[in-house]
Amino acid sequence: MYSDRQTELSVFLEQLRQSAEEKTEERVIIHAVTKADGQKIFEIIIGENPLFAPVVCVEASGTGYGKSGLDDILQGLWTVYDRYKKLDRKGFPFDKMKANVYLRLVPYERYNGFLDNLVYYPFLDMAVVPVLVLEVSTEDRCFSLAVNIQKGMCDVGEEELFQTASENTKKDCMVKGVEFSAEESGYEILAMSNGHHSAILDTGRLRDLAKEIYSSFLYIVPVSIYEVLVIPEDNVFDLSELQEFSRNRIELLEFEGAVLSENVYRYSLESGDVDFI
């Protein structure tokens, strides 16, 4: 049975979807996503395929599900979407946009049939793609529009594109502690996030973290496309339990498309590499 709050959210998201479709004349899909720290965001996909469509993420914390809350989100959505629509998306000038280019990870197998249209390289069981990110801030929240960069979309080579995106991504990487009760997980957990889904790529930050907490290995659980959980070696006594923990976290996700990978990884301080376990 839905609670009153869940029913209000469902009605609110449907109203938001209808308004967005009328304005954009595109199919719109909206997901309500809850991160490991309890923060809720709305993911608004404007188009048929999230691999090619612009995706707007908006902080949903504190949103009222009435008309004022709807108007607030729609205003920010139109502002950031209009910025995107004004771009020359067949060849945007890289010099003007390079500060807005980052890296993100996508599941390789799920999108294998579409990846040839994107600039990408394989990474373990995933793919790394550069993404253009536009942001608009209001008094209450931030609206972030991200669109994966397709081949021919910008006027520089792939090497320069990836180098610039990597440098920008590292600047944004953040690590914070997330408290889980012993009954829930039994692990001391750190959440890595940079807002663009690819903190696992920042081996420099993983190295600094491992040194800071005196851990030779870090276990990495990519619970969703929004964040990865990092668990120090001393807190992992049974790998099968860790894998079960990963599966349980994935089952809590609101929709299948939020799954980044079902695998668990391990970072080695000695080698500096991230591998499967």
C-alpha atoms as a PDB file:
ATOM      1  CA  MET A   1       0.000   0.000   0.000  1.00  0.00           C
ATOM      2  CA  TYR A   2       1.246   3.472  -0.883  1.00  0.00           C
ATOM      3  CA  SER A   3       1.525   6.041   1.891  1.00  0.00           C
ATOM      4  CA  ASP A   4      -0.062   9.462   1.387  1.00  0.00           C
ATOM      5  CA  ARG A   5       3.404  10.913   0.744  1.00  0.00           C
ATOM      6  CA  GLN A   6       4.159   8.315  -1.919  1.00  0.00           C
ATOM      7  CA  THR A   7       0.827   8.991  -3.596  1.00  0.00           C
ATOM      8  CA  GLU A   8       1.532  12.729  -3.596  1.00  0.00           C
ATOM      9  CA  LEU A   9       4.942  12.067  -5.157  1.00  0.00           C
ATOM     10  CA  SER A  10       3.438   9.861  -7.859  1.00  0.00           C
ATOM     11  CA  VAL A  11       0.853  12.511  -8.786  1.00  0.00           C
ATOM     12  CA  PHE A  12       3.509  15.245  -8.700  1.00  0.00           C
ATOM     13  CA  LEU A  13       5.852  13.369 -11.041  1.00  0.00           C
ATOM     14  CA  GLU A  14       3.025  12.692 -13.490  1.00  0.00           C
ATOM     15  CA  GLN A  15       2.144  16.394 -13.564  1.00  0.00           C
ATOM     16  CA  LEU A  16       5.827  17.213 -14.085  1.00  0.00           C
ATOM     17  CA  ARG A  17       6.095  14.688 -16.916  1.00  0.00           C
ATOM     18  CA  GLN A  18       3.014  16.009 -18.720  1.00  0.00           C
ATOM     19  CA  SER A  19       4.208  19.622 -18.462  1.00  0.00           C
ATOM     20  CA  ALA A  20       7.683  18.713 -19.700  1.00  0.00           C
ATOM     21  CA  GLU A  21       6.315  16.778 -22.690  1.00  0.00           C
ATOM     22  CA  GLU A  22       4.052  19.668 -23.688  1.00  0.00           C
ATOM     23  CA  LYS A  23       6.959  22.119 -23.537  1.00  0.00           C
ATOM     24  CA  THR A  24       9.666  20.012 -25.172  1.00  0.00           C
ATOM     25  CA  GLU A  25       7.465  18.019 -27.576  1.00  0.00           C
ATOM     26  CA  GLU A  26       9.600  15.018 -26.665  1.00  0.00           C
ATOM     27  CA  ARG A  27       8.904  11.852 -24.706  1.00  0.00           C
ATOM     28  CA  VAL A  28       9.843  12.450 -21.063  1.00  0.00           C
ATOM     29  CA  ILE A  29      10.669   9.824 -18.441  1.00  0.00           C
ATOM     30  CA  ILE A  30      11.095  10.821 -14.786  1.00  0.00           C
ATOM     31  CA  HIS A  31      12.627   8.775 -11.983  1.00  0.00           C
ATOM     32  CA  ALA A  32      12.802   9.610  -8.291  1.00  0.00           C
ATOM     33  CA  VAL A  33      16.199   8.417  -7.038  1.00  0.00           C
ATOM     34  CA  THR A  34      17.344   8.016  -3.441  1.00  0.00           C
ATOM     35  CA  LYS A  35      21.112   8.011  -2.836  1.00  0.00           C
ATOM     36  CA  ALA A  36      22.898   6.133  -0.063  1.00  0.00           C
ATOM     37  CA  ASP A  37      22.828   9.159   2.251  1.00  0.00           C
ATOM     38  CA  GLY A  38      19.068   9.522   1.843  1.00  0.00           C
ATOM     39  CA  GLN A  39      19.259  12.472  -0.555  1.00  0.00           C
ATOM     40  CA  LYS A  40      16.531  12.340  -3.211  1.00  0.00           C
ATOM     41  CA  ILE A  41      16.913  13.613  -6.752  1.00  0.00           C
ATOM     42  CA  PHE A  42      14.619  13.683  -9.771  1.00  0.00           C
ATOM     43  CA  GLU A  43      16.107  12.380 -13.019  1.00  0.00           C
ATOM     44  CA  ILE A  44      14.283  13.812 -16.052  1.00  0.00           C
ATOM     45  CA  ILE A  45      15.114  12.115 -19.381  1.00  0.00           C
ATOM     46  CA  ILE A  46      14.043  14.223 -22.375  1.00  0.00           C
ATOM     47  CA  GLY A  47      13.945  11.777 -25.281  1.00  0.00           C
ATOM     48  CA  GLU A  48      13.573   8.097 -26.122  1.00  0.00           C
ATOM     49  CA  ASN A  49      17.042   6.790 -25.252  1.00  0.00           C
ATOM     50  CA  PRO A  50      18.894   7.987 -22.118  1.00  0.00           C
ATOM     51  CA  LEU A  51      22.229   7.214 -23.810  1.00  0.00           C
ATOM     52  CA  PHE A  52      21.629  10.012 -26.355  1.00  0.00           C
ATOM     53  CA  ALA A  53      18.961  12.173 -24.726  1.00  0.00           C
ATOM     54  CA  PRO A  54      19.709  15.084 -22.384  1.00  0.00           C
ATOM     55  CA  VAL A  55      19.093  14.125 -18.760  1.00  0.00           C
ATOM     56  CA  VAL A  56      18.270  16.774 -16.168  1.00  0.00           C
ATOM     57  CA  CYS A  57      18.944  15.970 -12.509  1.00  0.00           C
ATOM     58  CA  VAL A  58      17.438  18.200  -9.840  1.00  0.00           C
ATOM     59  CA  GLU A  59      17.860  18.078  -6.097  1.00  0.00           C
ATOM     60  CA  ALA A  60      14.473  17.070  -4.751  1.00  0.00           C
ATOM     61  CA  SER A  61      15.091  17.530  -1.034  1.00  0.00           C
ATOM     62  CA  GLY A  62      12.616  19.997   0.434  1.00  0.00           C
ATOM     63  CA  THR A  63      10.373  19.959  -2.622  1.00  0.00           C
ATOM     64  CA  GLY A  64       6.705  20.466  -1.867  1.00  0.00           C
ATOM     65  CA  TYR A  65       4.437  18.410  -4.076  1.00  0.00           C
ATOM     66  CA  GLY A  66       2.012  21.269  -4.699  1.00  0.00           C
ATOM     67  CA  LYS A  67       1.759  23.866  -7.462  1.00  0.00           C
ATOM     68  CA  SER A  68       4.563  26.066  -6.107  1.00  0.00           C
ATOM     69  CA  GLY A  69       6.958  23.120  -6.000  1.00  0.00           C
ATOM     70  CA  LEU A  70       5.993  22.150  -9.541  1.00  0.00           C
ATOM     71  CA  ASP A  71       6.448  25.706 -10.837  1.00  0.00           C
ATOM     72  CA  ASP A  72       9.841  25.941  -9.114  1.00  0.00           C
ATOM     73  CA  ILE A  73      11.167  22.804 -10.791  1.00  0.00           C
ATOM     74  CA  LEU A  74       9.681  23.633 -14.184  1.00  0.00           C
ATOM     75  CA  GLN A  75      11.287  27.076 -14.173  1.00  0.00           C
ATOM     76  CA  GLY A  76      14.756  25.632 -13.510  1.00  0.00           C
ATOM     77  CA  LEU A  77      14.159  22.834 -16.017  1.00  0.00           C
ATOM     78  CA  TRP A  78      13.237  25.256 -18.814  1.00  0.00           C
ATOM     79  CA  THR A  79      16.257  27.452 -18.082  1.00  0.00           C
ATOM     80  CA  VAL A  80      18.838  24.676 -18.300  1.00  0.00           C
ATOM     81  CA  TYR A  81      17.061  22.963 -21.222  1.00  0.00           C
ATOM     82  CA  ASP A  82      16.962  26.227 -23.195  1.00  0.00           C
ATOM     83  CA  ARG A  83      20.752  26.526 -22.729  1.00  0.00           C
ATOM     84  CA  TYR A  84      21.114  23.078 -24.248  1.00  0.00           C
ATOM     85  CA  LYS A  85      18.752  23.817 -27.161  1.00  0.00           C
ATOM     86  CA  LYS A  86      20.767  26.905 -28.116  1.00  0.00           C
ATOM     87  CA  LEU A  87      23.944  24.860 -28.597  1.00  0.00           C
ATOM     88  CA  ASP A  88      25.103  23.781 -32.031  1.00  0.00           C
ATOM     89  CA  ARG A  89      24.885  20.112 -31.167  1.00  0.00           C
ATOM     90  CA  LYS A  90      26.456  18.993 -34.459  1.00  0.00           C
ATOM     91  CA  GLY A  91      29.745  20.693 -33.692  1.00  0.00           C
ATOM     92  CA  PHE A  92      29.835  22.849 -30.586  1.00  0.00           C
ATOM     93  CA  PRO A  93      32.973  25.019 -30.178  1.00  0.00           C
ATOM     94  CA  PHE A  94      35.168  23.055 -27.787  1.00  0.00           C
ATOM     95  CA  ASP A  95      37.128  26.076 -26.523  1.00  0.00           C
ATOM     96  CA  LYS A  96      33.904  27.634 -25.228  1.00  0.00           C
ATOM     97  CA  MET A  97      32.515  24.426 -23.729  1.00  0.00           C
ATOM     98  CA  LYS A  98      35.573  22.534 -22.457  1.00  0.00           C
ATOM     99  CA  ALA A  99      35.012  23.592 -18.838  1.00  0.00           C
ATOM    100  CA  ASN A 100      31.670  21.742 -19.009  1.00  0.00           C
ATOM    101  CA  VAL A 101      33.016  18.386 -20.228  1.00  0.00           C
ATOM    102  CA  TYR A 102      33.338  15.487 -17.763  1.00  0.00           C
ATOM    103  CA  LEU A 103      33.567  11.697 -17.771  1.00  0.00           C
ATOM    104  CA  ARG A 104      30.869   9.235 -16.836  1.00  0.00           C
ATOM    105  CA  LEU A 105      30.506   5.468 -16.746  1.00  0.00           C
ATOM    106  CA  VAL A 106      27.761   3.482 -18.457  1.00  0.00           C
ATOM    107  CA  PRO A 107      27.094  -0.285 -18.438  1.00  0.00           C
ATOM    108  CA  TYR A 108      28.827  -1.799 -21.460  1.00  0.00           C
ATOM    109  CA  GLU A 109      26.576  -4.781 -22.132  1.00  0.00           C
ATOM    110  CA  ARG A 110      23.312  -2.882 -21.726  1.00  0.00           C
ATOM    111  CA  TYR A 111      24.301  -0.237 -24.282  1.00  0.00           C
ATOM    112  CA  ASN A 112      26.571  -2.296 -26.508  1.00  0.00           C
ATOM    113  CA  GLY A 113      24.370  -1.866 -29.562  1.00  0.00           C
ATOM    114  CA  PHE A 114      24.426   1.940 -29.256  1.00  0.00           C
ATOM    115  CA  LEU A 115      27.968   2.736 -28.118  1.00  0.00           C
ATOM    116  CA  ASP A 116      29.409   2.918 -31.629  1.00  0.00           C
ATOM    117  CA  ASN A 117      27.628   6.264 -31.992  1.00  0.00           C
ATOM    118  CA  LEU A 118      29.461   7.660 -28.946  1.00  0.00           C
ATOM    119  CA  VAL A 119      33.023   8.578 -28.145  1.00  0.00           C
ATOM    120  CA  TYR A 120      34.026   5.973 -25.539  1.00  0.00           C
ATOM    121  CA  TYR A 121      36.604   3.489 -24.294  1.00  0.00           C
ATOM    122  CA  PRO A 122      36.063   0.215 -22.351  1.00  0.00           C
ATOM    123  CA  PHE A 123      36.762   0.077 -18.611  1.00  0.00           C
ATOM    124  CA  LEU A 124      36.405  -3.351 -16.972  1.00  0.00           C
ATOM    125  CA  ASP A 125      32.753  -4.325 -17.635  1.00  0.00           C
ATOM    126  CA  MET A 126      31.738  -0.708 -18.267  1.00  0.00           C
ATOM    127  CA  ALA A 127      32.388   2.046 -20.815  1.00  0.00           C
ATOM    128  CA  VAL A 128      33.775   5.530 -20.201  1.00  0.00           C
ATOM    129  CA  VAL A 129      32.132   8.324 -22.185  1.00  0.00           C
ATOM    130  CA  PRO A 130      32.680  12.100 -22.137  1.00  0.00           C
ATOM    131  CA  VAL A 131      29.596  14.052 -21.189  1.00  0.00           C
ATOM    132  CA  LEU A 132      28.628  17.701 -21.574  1.00  0.00           C
ATOM    133  CA  VAL A 133      27.185  19.130 -18.359  1.00  0.00           C
ATOM    134  CA  LEU A 134      25.242  22.397 -18.083  1.00  0.00           C
ATOM    135  CA  GLU A 135      24.131  23.708 -14.697  1.00  0.00           C
ATOM    136  CA  VAL A 136      21.685  26.300 -13.458  1.00  0.00           C
ATOM    137  CA  SER A 137      21.317  27.219  -9.780  1.00  0.00           C
ATOM    138  CA  THR A 138      18.295  28.804  -8.148  1.00  0.00           C
ATOM    139  CA  GLU A 139      17.865  29.889  -4.549  1.00  0.00           C
ATOM    140  CA  ASP A 140      16.770  26.426  -3.467  1.00  0.00           C
ATOM    141  CA  ARG A 141      18.450  23.896  -5.743  1.00  0.00           C
ATOM    142  CA  CYS A 142      20.767  23.062  -8.628  1.00  0.00           C
ATOM    143  CA  PHE A 143      19.633  21.808 -12.037  1.00  0.00           C
ATOM    144  CA  SER A 144      22.204  19.787 -13.953  1.00  0.00           C
ATOM    145  CA  LEU A 145      21.701  18.747 -17.595  1.00  0.00           C
ATOM    146  CA  ALA A 146      24.025  16.053 -18.927  1.00  0.00           C
ATOM    147  CA  VAL A 147      24.230  14.655 -22.454  1.00  0.00           C
ATOM    148  CA  ASN A 148      26.727  12.068 -23.674  1.00  0.00           C
ATOM    149  CA  ILE A 149      28.977  13.364 -26.444  1.00  0.00           C
ATOM    150  CA  GLN A 150      28.374  11.626 -29.758  1.00  0.00           C
ATOM    151  CA  LYS A 151      30.932  11.286 -32.521  1.00  0.00           C
ATOM    152  CA  GLY A 152      31.322  14.500 -34.486  1.00  0.00           C
ATOM    153  CA  MET A 153      29.639  16.619 -31.811  1.00  0.00           C
ATOM    154  CA  CYS A 154      32.735  18.731 -31.057  1.00  0.00           C
ATOM    155  CA  ASP A 155      35.626  20.056 -33.112  1.00  0.00           C
ATOM    156  CA  VAL A 156      38.613  18.363 -31.380  1.00  0.00           C
ATOM    157  CA  GLY A 157      40.144  14.903 -31.398  1.00  0.00           C
ATOM    158  CA  GLU A 158      39.161  12.168 -28.962  1.00  0.00           C
ATOM    159  CA  GLU A 159      42.481  12.309 -27.082  1.00  0.00           C
ATOM    160  CA  GLU A 160      42.078  15.998 -26.207  1.00  0.00           C
ATOM    161  CA  LEU A 161      38.418  15.458 -25.384  1.00  0.00           C
ATOM    162  CA  PHE A 162      39.158  12.652 -22.913  1.00  0.00           C
ATOM    163  CA  GLN A 163      42.124  14.490 -21.366  1.00  0.00           C
ATOM    164  CA  THR A 164      40.065  17.624 -20.689  1.00  0.00           C
ATOM    165  CA  ALA A 165      37.103  15.623 -19.380  1.00  0.00           C
ATOM    166  CA  SER A 166      39.385  13.623 -17.057  1.00  0.00           C
ATOM    167  CA  GLU A 167      40.956  16.762 -15.574  1.00  0.00           C
ATOM    168  CA  ASN A 168      37.543  18.346 -14.947  1.00  0.00           C
ATOM    169  CA  THR A 169      36.192  15.148 -13.384  1.00  0.00           C
ATOM    170  CA  LYS A 170      39.050  14.876 -10.907  1.00  0.00           C
ATOM    171  CA  LYS A 171      38.446  18.438  -9.712  1.00  0.00           C
ATOM    172  CA  ASP A 172      34.870  17.536  -8.790  1.00  0.00           C
ATOM    173  CA  CYS A 173      35.447  14.220  -7.017  1.00  0.00           C
ATOM    174  CA  MET A 174      34.184  14.141  -3.426  1.00  0.00           C
ATOM    175  CA  VAL A 175      34.311  11.538  -0.652  1.00  0.00           C
ATOM    176  CA  LYS A 176      32.088  11.533   2.386  1.00  0.00           C
ATOM    177  CA  GLY A 177      31.241   9.078   5.118  1.00  0.00           C
ATOM    178  CA  VAL A 178      27.885   7.326   5.055  1.00  0.00           C
ATOM    179  CA  GLU A 179      26.592   5.791   8.264  1.00  0.00           C
ATOM    180  CA  PHE A 180      24.937   2.395   8.028  1.00  0.00           C
ATOM    181  CA  SER A 181      23.850   0.517  11.126  1.00  0.00           C
ATOM    182  CA  ALA A 182      25.648  -2.730  11.915  1.00  0.00           C
ATOM    183  CA  GLU A 183      22.362  -4.562  11.460  1.00  0.00           C
ATOM    184  CA  GLU A 184      22.030  -3.145   7.942  1.00  0.00           C
ATOM    185  CA  SER A 185      25.520  -3.757   6.584  1.00  0.00           C
ATOM    186  CA  GLY A 186      28.205  -4.220   9.221  1.00  0.00           C
ATOM    187  CA  TYR A 187      30.564  -2.014   7.181  1.00  0.00           C
ATOM    188  CA  GLU A 188      32.134   1.386   7.628  1.00  0.00           C
ATOM    189  CA  ILE A 189      31.341   2.964   4.283  1.00  0.00           C
ATOM    190  CA  LEU A 190      32.519   5.973   2.340  1.00  0.00           C
ATOM    191  CA  ALA A 191      30.532   7.274  -0.628  1.00  0.00           C
ATOM    192  CA  MET A 192      32.434   8.666  -3.608  1.00  0.00           C
ATOM    193  CA  SER A 193      30.584  10.973  -5.919  1.00  0.00           C
ATOM    194  CA  ASN A 194      31.453  13.704  -8.403  1.00  0.00           C
ATOM    195  CA  GLY A 195      27.993  14.290  -9.772  1.00  0.00           C
ATOM    196  CA  HIS A 196      28.915  12.738 -13.093  1.00  0.00           C
ATOM    197  CA  HIS A 197      28.943   9.030 -12.198  1.00  0.00           C
ATOM    198  CA  SER A 198      32.668   8.260 -12.522  1.00  0.00           C
ATOM    199  CA  ALA A 199      34.459   8.613  -9.180  1.00  0.00           C
ATOM    200  CA  ILE A 200      35.722   5.037  -9.564  1.00  0.00           C
ATOM    201  CA  LEU A 201      38.015   6.294 -12.344  1.00  0.00           C
ATOM    202  CA  ASP A 202      39.869   8.678 -10.049  1.00  0.00           C
ATOM    203  CA  THR A 203      42.635   6.328  -8.895  1.00  0.00           C
ATOM    204  CA  GLY A 204      44.530   9.328  -7.530  1.00  0.00           C
ATOM    205  CA  ARG A 205      41.700  10.052  -5.085  1.00  0.00           C
ATOM    206  CA  LEU A 206      41.447   6.341  -4.247  1.00  0.00           C
ATOM    207  CA  ARG A 207      45.182   6.331  -3.515  1.00  0.00           C
ATOM    208  CA  ASP A 208      44.898   9.357  -1.240  1.00  0.00           C
ATOM    209  CA  LEU A 209      41.942   7.787   0.558  1.00  0.00           C
ATOM    210  CA  ALA A 210      43.734   4.456   1.038  1.00  0.00           C
ATOM    211  CA  LYS A 211      46.758   6.243   2.518  1.00  0.00           C
ATOM    212  CA  GLU A 212      44.583   8.433   4.711  1.00  0.00           C
ATOM    213  CA  ILE A 213      42.827   5.469   6.339  1.00  0.00           C
ATOM    214  CA  TYR A 214      45.884   3.147   6.244  1.00  0.00           C
ATOM    215  CA  SER A 215      44.278   0.548   3.995  1.00  0.00           C
ATOM    216  CA  SER A 216      46.219  -1.485   1.412  1.00  0.00           C
ATOM    217  CA  PHE A 217      43.008  -2.314  -0.449  1.00  0.00           C
ATOM    218  CA  LEU A 218      39.679  -0.586  -0.967  1.00  0.00           C
ATOM    219  CA  TYR A 219      36.588  -2.532  -1.989  1.00  0.00           C
ATOM    220  CA  ILE A 220      34.316  -0.655  -4.379  1.00  0.00           C
ATOM    221  CA  VAL A 221      30.583  -1.261  -4.771  1.00  0.00           C
ATOM    222  CA  PRO A 222      29.129   0.717  -7.726  1.00  0.00           C
ATOM    223  CA  VAL A 223      25.609   0.709  -6.333  1.00  0.00           C
ATOM    224  CA  SER A 224      24.200   3.009  -9.022  1.00  0.00           C
ATOM    225  CA  ILE A 225      25.072   5.377 -11.856  1.00  0.00           C
ATOM    226  CA  TYR A 226      25.077   8.166  -9.261  1.00  0.00           C
ATOM    227  CA  GLU A 227      27.675   7.003  -6.751  1.00  0.00           C
ATOM    228  CA  VAL A 228      30.002   4.249  -5.630  1.00  0.00           C
ATOM    229  CA  LEU A 229      30.496   2.964  -2.099  1.00  0.00           C
ATOM    230  CA  VAL A 230      34.056   2.391  -0.862  1.00  0.00           C
ATOM    231  CA  ILE A 231      34.764  -0.008   2.007  1.00  0.00           C
ATOM    232  CA  PRO A 232      38.198  -0.271   3.700  1.00  0.00           C
ATOM    233  CA  GLU A 233      39.937  -3.635   3.664  1.00  0.00           C
ATOM    234  CA  ASP A 234      39.781  -4.025   7.469  1.00  0.00           C
ATOM    235  CA  ASN A 235      35.982  -4.000   7.338  1.00  0.00           C
ATOM    236  CA  VAL A 236      35.654  -6.854   4.851  1.00  0.00           C
ATOM    237  CA  PHE A 237      35.983 -10.312   6.387  1.00  0.00           C
ATOM    238  CA  ASP A 238      33.911 -12.333   3.927  1.00  0.00           C
ATOM    239  CA  LEU A 239      33.806 -11.443   0.207  1.00  0.00           C
ATOM    240  CA  SER A 240      30.627 -13.430  -0.332  1.00  0.00           C
ATOM    241  CA  GLU A 241      28.887 -11.256   2.280  1.00  0.00           C
ATOM    242  CA  LEU A 242      30.156  -8.150   0.494  1.00  0.00           C
ATOM    243  CA  GLN A 243      28.792  -9.413  -2.803  1.00  0.00           C
ATOM    244  CA  GLU A 244      25.464 -10.126  -1.117  1.00  0.00           C
ATOM    245  CA  PHE A 245      25.485  -6.607   0.289  1.00  0.00           C
ATOM    246  CA  SER A 246      26.042  -5.281  -3.256  1.00  0.00           C
ATOM    247  CA  ARG A 247      23.125  -7.302  -4.621  1.00  0.00           C
ATOM    248  CA  ASN A 248      20.874  -6.053  -1.818  1.00  0.00           C
ATOM    249  CA  ARG A 249      21.786  -2.427  -2.562  1.00  0.00           C
ATOM    250  CA  ILE A 250      20.968  -2.937  -6.248  1.00  0.00           C
ATOM    251  CA  GLU A 251      17.566  -4.404  -5.356  1.00  0.00           C
ATOM    252  CA  LEU A 252      16.744  -1.155  -3.548  1.00  0.00           C
ATOM    253  CA  LEU A 253      17.159   0.927  -6.710  1.00  0.00           C
ATOM    254  CA  GLU A 254      13.937   2.356  -8.064  1.00  0.00           C
ATOM    255  CA  PHE A 255      14.552   1.355 -11.703  1.00  0.00           C
ATOM    256  CA  GLU A 256      16.799  -1.008 -13.651  1.00  0.00           C
ATOM    257  CA  GLY A 257      18.505   1.759 -15.614  1.00  0.00           C
ATOM    258  CA  ALA A 258      20.109   3.049 -12.410  1.00  0.00           C
ATOM    259  CA  VAL A 259      22.280  -0.087 -12.131  1.00  0.00           C
ATOM    260  CA  LEU A 260      25.867   0.598 -13.156  1.00  0.00           C
ATOM    261  CA  SER A 261      27.361  -2.836 -12.495  1.00  0.00           C
ATOM    262  CA  GLU A 262      26.546  -5.944 -10.487  1.00  0.00           C
ATOM    263  CA  ASN A 263      30.238  -6.610  -9.821  1.00  0.00           C
ATOM    264  CA  VAL A 264      32.380  -5.649  -6.842  1.00  0.00           C
ATOM    265  CA  TYR A 265      35.869  -4.240  -7.447  1.00  0.00           C
ATOM    266  CA  ARG A 266      39.075  -3.843  -5.474  1.00  0.00           C
ATOM    267  CA  TYR A 267      41.602  -1.011  -5.590  1.00  0.00           C
ATOM    268  CA  SER A 268      45.184  -1.929  -4.708  1.00  0.00           C
ATOM    269  CA  LEU A 269      47.365   0.765  -3.175  1.00  0.00           C
ATOM    270  CA  GLU A 270      50.514  -1.111  -4.281  1.00  0.00           C
ATOM    271  CA  SER A 271      49.597  -1.459  -7.961  1.00  0.00           C
ATOM    272  CA  GLY A 272      47.305   1.548  -8.266  1.00  0.00           C
ATOM    273  CA  ASP A 273      44.827  -0.520 -10.267  1.00  0.00           C
ATOM    274  CA  VAL A 274      41.119  -1.314  -9.953  1.00  0.00           C
ATOM    275  CA  ASP A 275      40.176  -4.934 -10.739  1.00  0.00           C
ATOM    276  CA  PHE A 276      37.307  -7.401 -10.373  1.00  0.00           C
ATOM    277  CA  ILE A 277      37.177  -9.633  -7.312  1.00  0.00           C
END
